Amino acid sequence: MRGLHDGVAVGLILFPLLGFPLVRALPFTTWRDSLATAALGEEPWRAGLGLMERGSPGEWNALMEGLRWVAAAGDELKGCYEAAKKAGKEQRCSITMKPPR
């Protein structure tokens, strides 16, 4: 039984030292993503949101504020974007913003 315990101890030491760098070097990301979400114990989408929010709270708040602006302007903002895309140049648009709830 001593050999088993020694093997487990060696594995616990070597895996982080050798395994993680090996996985990071892999050319495909699905394994890396799977390891990251497993380590966080969350679904991939939720894990990513949490990492962004904790990693850069200021940028996260700016992103959430931008989403609120887009939701408040709705179809008018989309129409203005599409007009600028079609024209290939800047467009002046009048947008009615709904107040936040």
PDB file of N, CA and C in Angstrom:
ATOM      1  N   MET A   1       0.812  -1.186   0.000  1.00  0.00           N
ATOM      2  CA  MET A   1       0.000   0.000   0.000  1.00  0.00           C
ATOM      3  C   MET A   1       0.865   1.264   0.000  1.00  0.00           C
ATOM      4  N   ARG A   2       2.042   1.160   0.552  1.00  0.00           N
ATOM      5  CA  ARG A   2       2.955   2.310   0.609  1.00  0.00           C
ATOM      6  C   ARG A   2       3.280   2.792  -0.799  1.00  0.00           C
ATOM      7  N   GLY A   3       3.509   1.876  -1.748  1.00  0.00           N
ATOM      8  CA  GLY A   3       3.836   2.238  -3.120  1.00  0.00           C
ATOM      9  C   GLY A   3       2.721   3.037  -3.782  1.00  0.00           C
ATOM     10  N   LEU A   4       1.470   2.666  -3.492  1.00  0.00           N
ATOM     11  CA  LEU A   4       0.320   3.380  -4.047  1.00  0.00           C
ATOM     12  C   LEU A   4       0.295   4.824  -3.536  1.00  0.00           C
ATOM     13  N   HIS A   5       0.503   4.995  -2.247  1.00  0.00           N
ATOM     14  CA  HIS A   5       0.512   6.341  -1.671  1.00  0.00           C
ATOM     15  C   HIS A   5       1.647   7.188  -2.239  1.00  0.00           C
ATOM     16  N   ASP A   6       2.794   6.563  -2.423  1.00  0.00           N
ATOM     17  CA  ASP A   6       3.930   7.284  -3.009  1.00  0.00           C
ATOM     18  C   ASP A   6       3.611   7.707  -4.442  1.00  0.00           C
ATOM     19  N   GLY A   7       2.974   6.817  -5.194  1.00  0.00           N
ATOM     20  CA  GLY A   7       2.612   7.119  -6.579  1.00  0.00           C
ATOM     21  C   GLY A   7       1.620   8.267  -6.669  1.00  0.00           C
ATOM     22  N   VAL A   8       0.654   8.263  -5.777  1.00  0.00           N
ATOM     23  CA  VAL A   8      -0.335   9.345  -5.753  1.00  0.00           C
ATOM     24  C   VAL A   8       0.358  10.661  -5.403  1.00  0.00           C
ATOM     25  N   ALA A   9       1.243  10.634  -4.418  1.00  0.00           N
ATOM     26  CA  ALA A   9       1.957  11.849  -4.014  1.00  0.00           C
ATOM     27  C   ALA A   9       2.805  12.384  -5.166  1.00  0.00           C
ATOM     28  N   VAL A  10       3.513  11.510  -5.847  1.00  0.00           N
ATOM     29  CA  VAL A  10       4.343  11.934  -6.979  1.00  0.00           C
ATOM     30  C   VAL A  10       3.463  12.501  -8.095  1.00  0.00           C
ATOM     31  N   GLY A  11       2.327  11.858  -8.366  1.00  0.00           N
ATOM     32  CA  GLY A  11       1.409  12.339  -9.392  1.00  0.00           C
ATOM     33  C   GLY A  11       0.849  13.714  -9.075  1.00  0.00           C
ATOM     34  N   LEU A  12       0.511  13.934  -7.801  1.00  0.00           N
ATOM     35  CA  LEU A  12      -0.011  15.235  -7.399  1.00  0.00           C
ATOM     36  C   LEU A  12       1.030  16.338  -7.542  1.00  0.00           C
ATOM     37  N   ILE A  13       2.289  15.987  -7.399  1.00  0.00           N
ATOM     38  CA  ILE A  13       3.363  16.970  -7.551  1.00  0.00           C
ATOM     39  C   ILE A  13       3.699  17.191  -9.018  1.00  0.00           C
ATOM     40  N   LEU A  14       3.803  16.100  -9.788  1.00  0.00           N
ATOM     41  CA  LEU A  14       4.247  16.209 -11.176  1.00  0.00           C
ATOM     42  C   LEU A  14       3.177  16.730 -12.134  1.00  0.00           C
ATOM     43  N   PHE A  15       1.902  16.397 -11.886  1.00  0.00           N
ATOM     44  CA  PHE A  15       0.877  16.810 -12.838  1.00  0.00           C
ATOM     45  C   PHE A  15       0.823  18.327 -13.014  1.00  0.00           C
ATOM     46  N   PRO A  16       0.768  19.110 -11.924  1.00  0.00           N
ATOM     47  CA  PRO A  16       0.758  20.569 -12.142  1.00  0.00           C
ATOM     48  C   PRO A  16       2.034  21.080 -12.800  1.00  0.00           C
ATOM     49  N   LEU A  17       3.155  20.449 -12.501  1.00  0.00           N
ATOM     50  CA  LEU A  17       4.419  20.911 -13.063  1.00  0.00           C
ATOM     51  C   LEU A  17       4.572  20.550 -14.536  1.00  0.00           C
ATOM     52  N   LEU A  18       4.104  19.370 -14.918  1.00  0.00           N
ATOM     53  CA  LEU A  18       4.282  18.895 -16.288  1.00  0.00           C
ATOM     54  C   LEU A  18       2.984  18.894 -17.096  1.00  0.00           C
ATOM     55  N   GLY A  19       1.884  18.539 -16.458  1.00  0.00           N
ATOM     56  CA  GLY A  19       0.618  18.389 -17.172  1.00  0.00           C
ATOM     57  C   GLY A  19       0.039  19.691 -17.675  1.00  0.00           C
ATOM     58  N   PHE A  20      -0.017  20.693 -16.802  1.00  0.00           N
ATOM     59  CA  PHE A  20      -0.608  21.972 -17.209  1.00  0.00           C
ATOM     60  C   PHE A  20       0.166  22.643 -18.337  1.00  0.00           C
ATOM     61  N   PRO A  21       1.506  22.716 -18.252  1.00  0.00           N
ATOM     62  CA  PRO A  21       2.228  23.307 -19.391  1.00  0.00           C
ATOM     63  C   PRO A  21       2.024  22.522 -20.684  1.00  0.00           C
ATOM     64  N   LEU A  22       1.924  21.212 -20.582  1.00  0.00           N
ATOM     65  CA  LEU A  22       1.697  20.381 -21.770  1.00  0.00           C
ATOM     66  C   LEU A  22       0.335  20.695 -22.379  1.00  0.00           C
ATOM     67  N   VAL A  23      -0.692  20.773 -21.555  1.00  0.00           N
ATOM     68  CA  VAL A  23      -2.039  21.060 -22.050  1.00  0.00           C
ATOM     69  C   VAL A  23      -2.098  22.456 -22.661  1.00  0.00           C
ATOM     70  N   ARG A  24      -1.425  23.441 -22.041  1.00  0.00           N
ATOM     71  CA  ARG A  24      -1.414  24.800 -22.594  1.00  0.00           C
ATOM     72  C   ARG A  24      -0.756  24.859 -23.964  1.00  0.00           C
ATOM     73  N   ALA A  25       0.186  23.954 -24.207  1.00  0.00           N
ATOM     74  CA  ALA A  25       0.921  23.967 -25.474  1.00  0.00           C
ATOM     75  C   ALA A  25       0.168  23.266 -26.600  1.00  0.00           C
ATOM     76  N   LEU A  26      -0.912  22.582 -26.288  1.00  0.00           N
ATOM     77  CA  LEU A  26      -1.654  21.857 -27.319  1.00  0.00           C
ATOM     78  C   LEU A  26      -2.223  22.831 -28.347  1.00  0.00           C
ATOM     79  N   PRO A  27      -2.245  22.436 -29.612  1.00  0.00           N
ATOM     80  CA  PRO A  27      -2.712  23.341 -30.662  1.00  0.00           C
ATOM     81  C   PRO A  27      -4.223  23.542 -30.685  1.00  0.00           C
ATOM     82  N   PHE A  28      -4.960  22.695 -30.023  1.00  0.00           N
ATOM     83  CA  PHE A  28      -6.416  22.840 -30.024  1.00  0.00           C
ATOM     84  C   PHE A  28      -6.869  23.204 -28.617  1.00  0.00           C
ATOM     85  N   THR A  29      -7.892  24.040 -28.547  1.00  0.00           N
ATOM     86  CA  THR A  29      -8.257  24.644 -27.267  1.00  0.00           C
ATOM     87  C   THR A  29      -9.294  23.870 -26.476  1.00  0.00           C
ATOM     88  N   THR A  30      -9.954  22.889 -27.043  1.00  0.00           N
ATOM     89  CA  THR A  30     -11.051  22.241 -26.321  1.00  0.00           C
ATOM     90  C   THR A  30     -10.577  21.579 -25.038  1.00  0.00           C
ATOM     91  N   TRP A  31      -9.407  20.978 -25.025  1.00  0.00           N
ATOM     92  CA  TRP A  31      -8.898  20.349 -23.798  1.00  0.00           C
ATOM     93  C   TRP A  31      -8.597  21.403 -22.752  1.00  0.00           C
ATOM     94  N   ARG A  32      -7.976  22.489 -23.188  1.00  0.00           N
ATOM     95  CA  ARG A  32      -7.650  23.570 -22.243  1.00  0.00           C
ATOM     96  C   ARG A  32      -8.930  24.148 -21.655  1.00  0.00           C
ATOM     97  N   ASP A  33      -9.908  24.367 -22.504  1.00  0.00           N
ATOM     98  CA  ASP A  33     -11.177  24.916 -22.026  1.00  0.00           C
ATOM     99  C   ASP A  33     -11.845  23.955 -21.053  1.00  0.00           C
ATOM    100  N   SER A  34     -11.810  22.677 -21.380  1.00  0.00           N
ATOM    101  CA  SER A  34     -12.419  21.673 -20.508  1.00  0.00           C
ATOM    102  C   SER A  34     -11.740  21.639 -19.152  1.00  0.00           C
ATOM    103  N   LEU A  35     -10.423  21.719 -19.138  1.00  0.00           N
ATOM    104  CA  LEU A  35      -9.697  21.734 -17.865  1.00  0.00           C
ATOM    105  C   LEU A  35     -10.037  22.982 -17.057  1.00  0.00           C
ATOM    106  N   ALA A  36     -10.112  24.112 -17.720  1.00  0.00           N
ATOM    107  CA  ALA A  36     -10.412  25.363 -17.018  1.00  0.00           C
ATOM    108  C   ALA A  36     -11.810  25.329 -16.415  1.00  0.00           C
ATOM    109  N   THR A  37     -12.794  24.889 -17.184  1.00  0.00           N
ATOM    110  CA  THR A  37     -14.161  24.855 -16.658  1.00  0.00           C
ATOM    111  C   THR A  37     -14.295  23.796 -15.572  1.00  0.00           C
ATOM    112  N   ALA A  38     -13.580  22.683 -15.715  1.00  0.00           N
ATOM    113  CA  ALA A  38     -13.611  21.653 -14.670  1.00  0.00           C
ATOM    114  C   ALA A  38     -12.993  22.186 -13.387  1.00  0.00           C
ATOM    115  N   ALA A  39     -11.916  22.935 -13.507  1.00  0.00           N
ATOM    116  CA  ALA A  39     -11.259  23.496 -12.324  1.00  0.00           C
ATOM    117  C   ALA A  39     -12.179  24.486 -11.612  1.00  0.00           C
ATOM    118  N   LEU A  40     -12.979  25.226 -12.379  1.00  0.00           N
ATOM    119  CA  LEU A  40     -13.903  26.200 -11.790  1.00  0.00           C
ATOM    120  C   LEU A  40     -15.206  25.544 -11.345  1.00  0.00           C
ATOM    121  N   GLY A  41     -15.481  24.353 -11.871  1.00  0.00           N
ATOM    122  CA  GLY A  41     -16.707  23.652 -11.497  1.00  0.00           C
ATOM    123  C   GLY A  41     -17.963  24.294 -12.052  1.00  0.00           C
ATOM    124  N   GLU A  42     -17.857  24.926 -13.207  1.00  0.00           N
ATOM    125  CA  GLU A  42     -18.998  25.610 -13.811  1.00  0.00           C
ATOM    126  C   GLU A  42     -19.108  25.250 -15.287  1.00  0.00           C
ATOM    127  N   GLU A  43     -20.256  25.568 -15.871  1.00  0.00           N
ATOM    128  CA  GLU A  43     -20.444  25.411 -17.306  1.00  0.00           C
ATOM    129  C   GLU A  43     -19.540  26.414 -18.021  1.00  0.00           C
ATOM    130  N   PRO A  44     -19.105  26.117 -19.253  1.00  0.00           N
ATOM    131  CA  PRO A  44     -18.167  27.008 -19.949  1.00  0.00           C
ATOM    132  C   PRO A  44     -18.624  28.462 -20.032  1.00  0.00           C
ATOM    133  N   TRP A  45     -19.874  28.700 -20.387  1.00  0.00           N
ATOM    134  CA  TRP A  45     -20.354  30.071 -20.537  1.00  0.00           C
ATOM    135  C   TRP A  45     -20.267  30.816 -19.205  1.00  0.00           C
ATOM    136  N   ARG A  46     -20.754  30.187 -18.158  1.00  0.00           N
ATOM    137  CA  ARG A  46     -20.753  30.802 -16.837  1.00  0.00           C
ATOM    138  C   ARG A  46     -19.326  30.993 -16.320  1.00  0.00           C
ATOM    139  N   ALA A  47     -18.467  30.028 -16.593  1.00  0.00           N
ATOM    140  CA  ALA A  47     -17.066  30.135 -16.172  1.00  0.00           C
ATOM    141  C   ALA A  47     -16.398  31.327 -16.859  1.00  0.00           C
ATOM    142  N   GLY A  48     -16.648  31.496 -18.150  1.00  0.00           N
ATOM    143  CA  GLY A  48     -16.070  32.612 -18.886  1.00  0.00           C
ATOM    144  C   GLY A  48     -16.557  33.952 -18.376  1.00  0.00           C
ATOM    145  N   LEU A  49     -17.845  34.048 -18.095  1.00  0.00           N
ATOM    146  CA  LEU A  49     -18.401  35.293 -17.561  1.00  0.00           C
ATOM    147  C   LEU A  49     -17.753  35.626 -16.218  1.00  0.00           C
ATOM    148  N   GLY A  50     -17.639  34.618 -15.370  1.00  0.00           N
ATOM    149  CA  GLY A  50     -17.038  34.841 -14.061  1.00  0.00           C
ATOM    150  C   GLY A  50     -15.580  35.253 -14.154  1.00  0.00           C
ATOM    151  N   LEU A  51     -14.838  34.631 -15.068  1.00  0.00           N
ATOM    152  CA  LEU A  51     -13.430  34.994 -15.247  1.00  0.00           C
ATOM    153  C   LEU A  51     -13.289  36.436 -15.718  1.00  0.00           C
ATOM    154  N   MET A  52     -14.136  36.852 -16.647  1.00  0.00           N
ATOM    155  CA  MET A  52     -14.071  38.228 -17.136  1.00  0.00           C
ATOM    156  C   MET A  52     -14.430  39.218 -16.027  1.00  0.00           C
ATOM    157  N   GLU A  53     -15.479  38.904 -15.275  1.00  0.00           N
ATOM    158  CA  GLU A  53     -15.919  39.817 -14.221  1.00  0.00           C
ATOM    159  C   GLU A  53     -14.860  39.947 -13.126  1.00  0.00           C
ATOM    160  N   ARG A  54     -14.280  38.833 -12.712  1.00  0.00           N
ATOM    161  CA  ARG A  54     -13.257  38.869 -11.658  1.00  0.00           C
ATOM    162  C   ARG A  54     -11.918  39.381 -12.179  1.00  0.00           C
ATOM    163  N   GLY A  55     -11.612  39.111 -13.443  1.00  0.00           N
ATOM    164  CA  GLY A  55     -10.328  39.497 -14.006  1.00  0.00           C
ATOM    165  C   GLY A  55     -10.185  40.985 -14.248  1.00  0.00           C
ATOM    166  N   SER A  56     -11.280  41.644 -14.595  1.00  0.00           N
ATOM    167  CA  SER A  56     -11.220  43.078 -14.873  1.00  0.00           C
ATOM    168  C   SER A  56     -12.585  43.706 -14.568  1.00  0.00           C
ATOM    169  N   PRO A  57     -12.850  43.981 -13.300  1.00  0.00           N
ATOM    170  CA  PRO A  57     -14.167  44.509 -12.926  1.00  0.00           C
ATOM    171  C   PRO A  57     -14.549  45.792 -13.666  1.00  0.00           C
ATOM    172  N   GLY A  58     -13.591  46.677 -13.897  1.00  0.00           N
ATOM    173  CA  GLY A  58     -13.901  47.929 -14.598  1.00  0.00           C
ATOM    174  C   GLY A  58     -14.358  47.687 -16.022  1.00  0.00           C
ATOM    175  N   GLU A  59     -13.633  46.840 -16.743  1.00  0.00           N
ATOM    176  CA  GLU A  59     -14.022  46.523 -18.117  1.00  0.00           C
ATOM    177  C   GLU A  59     -15.327  45.752 -18.146  1.00  0.00           C
ATOM    178  N   TRP A  60     -15.545  44.885 -17.155  1.00  0.00           N
ATOM    179  CA  TRP A  60     -16.797  44.133 -17.070  1.00  0.00           C
ATOM    180  C   TRP A  60     -17.966  45.099 -16.906  1.00  0.00           C
ATOM    181  N   ASN A  61     -17.828  46.082 -16.015  1.00  0.00           N
ATOM    182  CA  ASN A  61     -18.902  47.060 -15.803  1.00  0.00           C
ATOM    183  C   ASN A  61     -19.163  47.872 -17.060  1.00  0.00           C
ATOM    184  N   ALA A  62     -18.107  48.234 -17.782  1.00  0.00           N
ATOM    185  CA  ALA A  62     -18.271  48.973 -19.039  1.00  0.00           C
ATOM    186  C   ALA A  62     -19.006  48.121 -20.072  1.00  0.00           C
ATOM    187  N   LEU A  63     -18.679  46.857 -20.141  1.00  0.00           N
ATOM    188  CA  LEU A  63     -19.358  45.938 -21.065  1.00  0.00           C
ATOM    189  C   LEU A  63     -20.835  45.818 -20.725  1.00  0.00           C
ATOM    190  N   MET A  64     -21.145  45.667 -19.444  1.00  0.00           N
ATOM    191  CA  MET A  64     -22.541  45.554 -19.019  1.00  0.00           C
ATOM    192  C   MET A  64     -23.305  46.854 -19.288  1.00  0.00           C
ATOM    193  N   GLU A  65     -22.652  47.994 -19.079  1.00  0.00           N
ATOM    194  CA  GLU A  65     -23.292  49.284 -19.364  1.00  0.00           C
ATOM    195  C   GLU A  65     -23.579  49.410 -20.858  1.00  0.00           C
ATOM    196  N   GLY A  66     -22.636  48.999 -21.693  1.00  0.00           N
ATOM    197  CA  GLY A  66     -22.846  49.021 -23.136  1.00  0.00           C
ATOM    198  C   GLY A  66     -24.019  48.147 -23.557  1.00  0.00           C
ATOM    199  N   LEU A  67     -24.146  46.988 -22.938  1.00  0.00           N
ATOM    200  CA  LEU A  67     -25.281  46.112 -23.251  1.00  0.00           C
ATOM    201  C   LEU A  67     -26.597  46.770 -22.852  1.00  0.00           C
ATOM    202  N   ARG A  68     -26.595  47.479 -21.719  1.00  0.00           N
ATOM    203  CA  ARG A  68     -27.819  48.190 -21.303  1.00  0.00           C
ATOM    204  C   ARG A  68     -28.171  49.293 -22.304  1.00  0.00           C
ATOM    205  N   TRP A  69     -27.147  49.989 -22.814  1.00  0.00           N
ATOM    206  CA  TRP A  69     -27.398  51.043 -23.806  1.00  0.00           C
ATOM    207  C   TRP A  69     -28.007  50.461 -25.071  1.00  0.00           C
ATOM    208  N   VAL A  70     -27.436  49.361 -25.528  1.00  0.00           N
ATOM    209  CA  VAL A  70     -27.945  48.717 -26.747  1.00  0.00           C
ATOM    210  C   VAL A  70     -29.383  48.266 -26.538  1.00  0.00           C
ATOM    211  N   ALA A  71     -29.658  47.682 -25.378  1.00  0.00           N
ATOM    212  CA  ALA A  71     -31.027  47.223 -25.102  1.00  0.00           C
ATOM    213  C   ALA A  71     -31.992  48.410 -25.043  1.00  0.00           C
ATOM    214  N   ALA A  72     -31.552  49.541 -24.492  1.00  0.00           N
ATOM    215  CA  ALA A  72     -32.429  50.707 -24.366  1.00  0.00           C
ATOM    216  C   ALA A  72     -32.709  51.349 -25.718  1.00  0.00           C
ATOM    217  N   ALA A  73     -31.748  51.328 -26.629  1.00  0.00           N
ATOM    218  CA  ALA A  73     -31.931  51.955 -27.943  1.00  0.00           C
ATOM    219  C   ALA A  73     -32.619  51.017 -28.913  1.00  0.00           C
ATOM    220  N   GLY A  74     -32.445  49.731 -28.724  1.00  0.00           N
ATOM    221  CA  GLY A  74     -33.146  48.717 -29.491  1.00  0.00           C
ATOM    222  C   GLY A  74     -32.998  48.798 -30.995  1.00  0.00           C
ATOM    223  N   ASP A  75     -34.130  48.749 -31.671  1.00  0.00           N
ATOM    224  CA  ASP A  75     -34.167  48.665 -33.127  1.00  0.00           C
ATOM    225  C   ASP A  75     -33.615  49.914 -33.811  1.00  0.00           C
ATOM    226  N   GLU A  76     -33.744  51.065 -33.164  1.00  0.00           N
ATOM    227  CA  GLU A  76     -33.231  52.304 -33.764  1.00  0.00           C
ATOM    228  C   GLU A  76     -31.710  52.240 -33.909  1.00  0.00           C
ATOM    229  N   LEU A  77     -31.056  51.723 -32.893  1.00  0.00           N
ATOM    230  CA  LEU A  77     -29.593  51.599 -32.938  1.00  0.00           C
ATOM    231  C   LEU A  77     -29.184  50.595 -34.010  1.00  0.00           C
ATOM    232  N   LYS A  78     -29.910  49.513 -34.097  1.00  0.00           N
ATOM    233  CA  LYS A  78     -29.617  48.502 -35.121  1.00  0.00           C
ATOM    234  C   LYS A  78     -29.814  49.094 -36.512  1.00  0.00           C
ATOM    235  N   GLY A  79     -30.884  49.858 -36.701  1.00  0.00           N
ATOM    236  CA  GLY A  79     -31.136  50.480 -37.998  1.00  0.00           C
ATOM    237  C   GLY A  79     -30.032  51.457 -38.377  1.00  0.00           C
ATOM    238  N   CYS A  80     -29.537  52.223 -37.405  1.00  0.00           N
ATOM    239  CA  CYS A  80     -28.458  53.174 -37.663  1.00  0.00           C
ATOM    240  C   CYS A  80     -27.177  52.429 -38.037  1.00  0.00           C
ATOM    241  N   TYR A  81     -26.896  51.369 -37.330  1.00  0.00           N
ATOM    242  CA  TYR A  81     -25.710  50.559 -37.632  1.00  0.00           C
ATOM    243  C   TYR A  81     -25.796  50.000 -39.050  1.00  0.00           C
ATOM    244  N   GLU A  82     -26.936  49.469 -39.414  1.00  0.00           N
ATOM    245  CA  GLU A  82     -27.116  48.883 -40.740  1.00  0.00           C
ATOM    246  C   GLU A  82     -26.989  49.951 -41.832  1.00  0.00           C
ATOM    247  N   ALA A  83     -27.515  51.157 -41.567  1.00  0.00           N
ATOM    248  CA  ALA A  83     -27.402  52.241 -42.550  1.00  0.00           C
ATOM    249  C   ALA A  83     -25.937  52.628 -42.759  1.00  0.00           C
ATOM    250  N   ALA A  84     -25.157  52.699 -41.687  1.00  0.00           N
ATOM    251  CA  ALA A  84     -23.731  53.037 -41.796  1.00  0.00           C
ATOM    252  C   ALA A  84     -22.984  51.929 -42.523  1.00  0.00           C
ATOM    253  N   LYS A  85     -23.351  50.706 -42.248  1.00  0.00           N
ATOM    254  CA  LYS A  85     -22.712  49.564 -42.911  1.00  0.00           C
ATOM    255  C   LYS A  85     -22.998  49.587 -44.411  1.00  0.00           C
ATOM    256  N   LYS A  86     -24.243  49.851 -44.760  1.00  0.00           N
ATOM    257  CA  LYS A  86     -24.629  49.876 -46.173  1.00  0.00           C
ATOM    258  C   LYS A  86     -23.973  51.041 -46.910  1.00  0.00           C
ATOM    259  N   ALA A  87     -23.928  52.212 -46.266  1.00  0.00           N
ATOM    260  CA  ALA A  87     -23.349  53.399 -46.899  1.00  0.00           C
ATOM    261  C   ALA A  87     -21.819  53.348 -46.909  1.00  0.00           C
ATOM    262  N   GLY A  88     -21.249  52.608 -45.993  1.00  0.00           N
ATOM    263  CA  GLY A  88     -19.795  52.528 -45.908  1.00  0.00           C
ATOM    264  C   GLY A  88     -19.159  53.780 -45.331  1.00  0.00           C
ATOM    265  N   LYS A  89     -19.964  54.570 -44.639  1.00  0.00           N
ATOM    266  CA  LYS A  89     -19.432  55.784 -44.021  1.00  0.00           C
ATOM    267  C   LYS A  89     -20.276  56.120 -42.792  1.00  0.00           C
ATOM    268  N   GLU A  90     -19.799  57.121 -42.044  1.00  0.00           N
ATOM    269  CA  GLU A  90     -20.505  57.528 -40.832  1.00  0.00           C
ATOM    270  C   GLU A  90     -21.926  57.954 -41.144  1.00  0.00           C
ATOM    271  N   GLN A  91     -22.812  57.690 -40.207  1.00  0.00           N
ATOM    272  CA  GLN A  91     -24.209  58.096 -40.343  1.00  0.00           C
ATOM    273  C   GLN A  91     -24.618  58.850 -39.088  1.00  0.00           C
ATOM    274  N   ARG A  92     -25.380  59.920 -39.272  1.00  0.00           N
ATOM    275  CA  ARG A  92     -25.977  60.615 -38.135  1.00  0.00           C
ATOM    276  C   ARG A  92     -27.346  60.001 -37.907  1.00  0.00           C
ATOM    277  N   CYS A  93     -27.588  59.659 -36.663  1.00  0.00           N
ATOM    278  CA  CYS A  93     -28.857  59.027 -36.333  1.00  0.00           C
ATOM    279  C   CYS A  93     -29.459  59.678 -35.099  1.00  0.00           C
ATOM    280  N   SER A  94     -30.753  59.694 -35.070  1.00  0.00           N
ATOM    281  CA  SER A  94     -31.464  60.172 -33.888  1.00  0.00           C
ATOM    282  C   SER A  94     -32.018  58.930 -33.193  1.00  0.00           C
ATOM    283  N   ILE A  95     -31.640  58.773 -31.940  1.00  0.00           N
ATOM    284  CA  ILE A  95     -32.042  57.572 -31.206  1.00  0.00           C
ATOM    285  C   ILE A  95     -32.763  57.976 -29.939  1.00  0.00           C
ATOM    286  N   THR A  96     -33.884  57.346 -29.674  1.00  0.00           N
ATOM    287  CA  THR A  96     -34.628  57.566 -28.451  1.00  0.00           C
ATOM    288  C   THR A  96     -34.227  56.494 -27.454  1.00  0.00           C
ATOM    289  N   MET A  97     -33.710  56.934 -26.304  1.00  0.00           N
ATOM    290  CA  MET A  97     -33.285  55.984 -25.272  1.00  0.00           C
ATOM    291  C   MET A  97     -34.382  55.844 -24.230  1.00  0.00           C
ATOM    292  N   LYS A  98     -34.661  54.627 -23.868  1.00  0.00           N
ATOM    293  CA  LYS A  98     -35.602  54.376 -22.781  1.00  0.00           C
ATOM    294  C   LYS A  98     -34.865  54.528 -21.453  1.00  0.00           C
ATOM    295  N   PRO A  99     -35.519  55.031 -20.430  1.00  0.00           N
ATOM    296  CA  PRO A  99     -34.830  55.159 -19.128  1.00  0.00           C
ATOM    297  C   PRO A  99     -34.573  53.790 -18.511  1.00  0.00           C
ATOM    298  N   PRO A 100     -33.513  53.683 -17.709  1.00  0.00           N
ATOM    299  CA  PRO A 100     -33.244  52.397 -17.046  1.00  0.00           C
ATOM    300  C   PRO A 100     -34.331  52.072 -16.034  1.00  0.00           C
ATOM    301  N   ARG A 101     -34.546  50.796 -15.842  1.00  0.00           N
ATOM    302  CA  ARG A 101     -35.587  50.383 -14.882  1.00  0.00           C
ATOM    303  C   ARG A 101     -35.003  50.214 -13.519  1.00  0.00           C
TER     304      ARG A 101
END
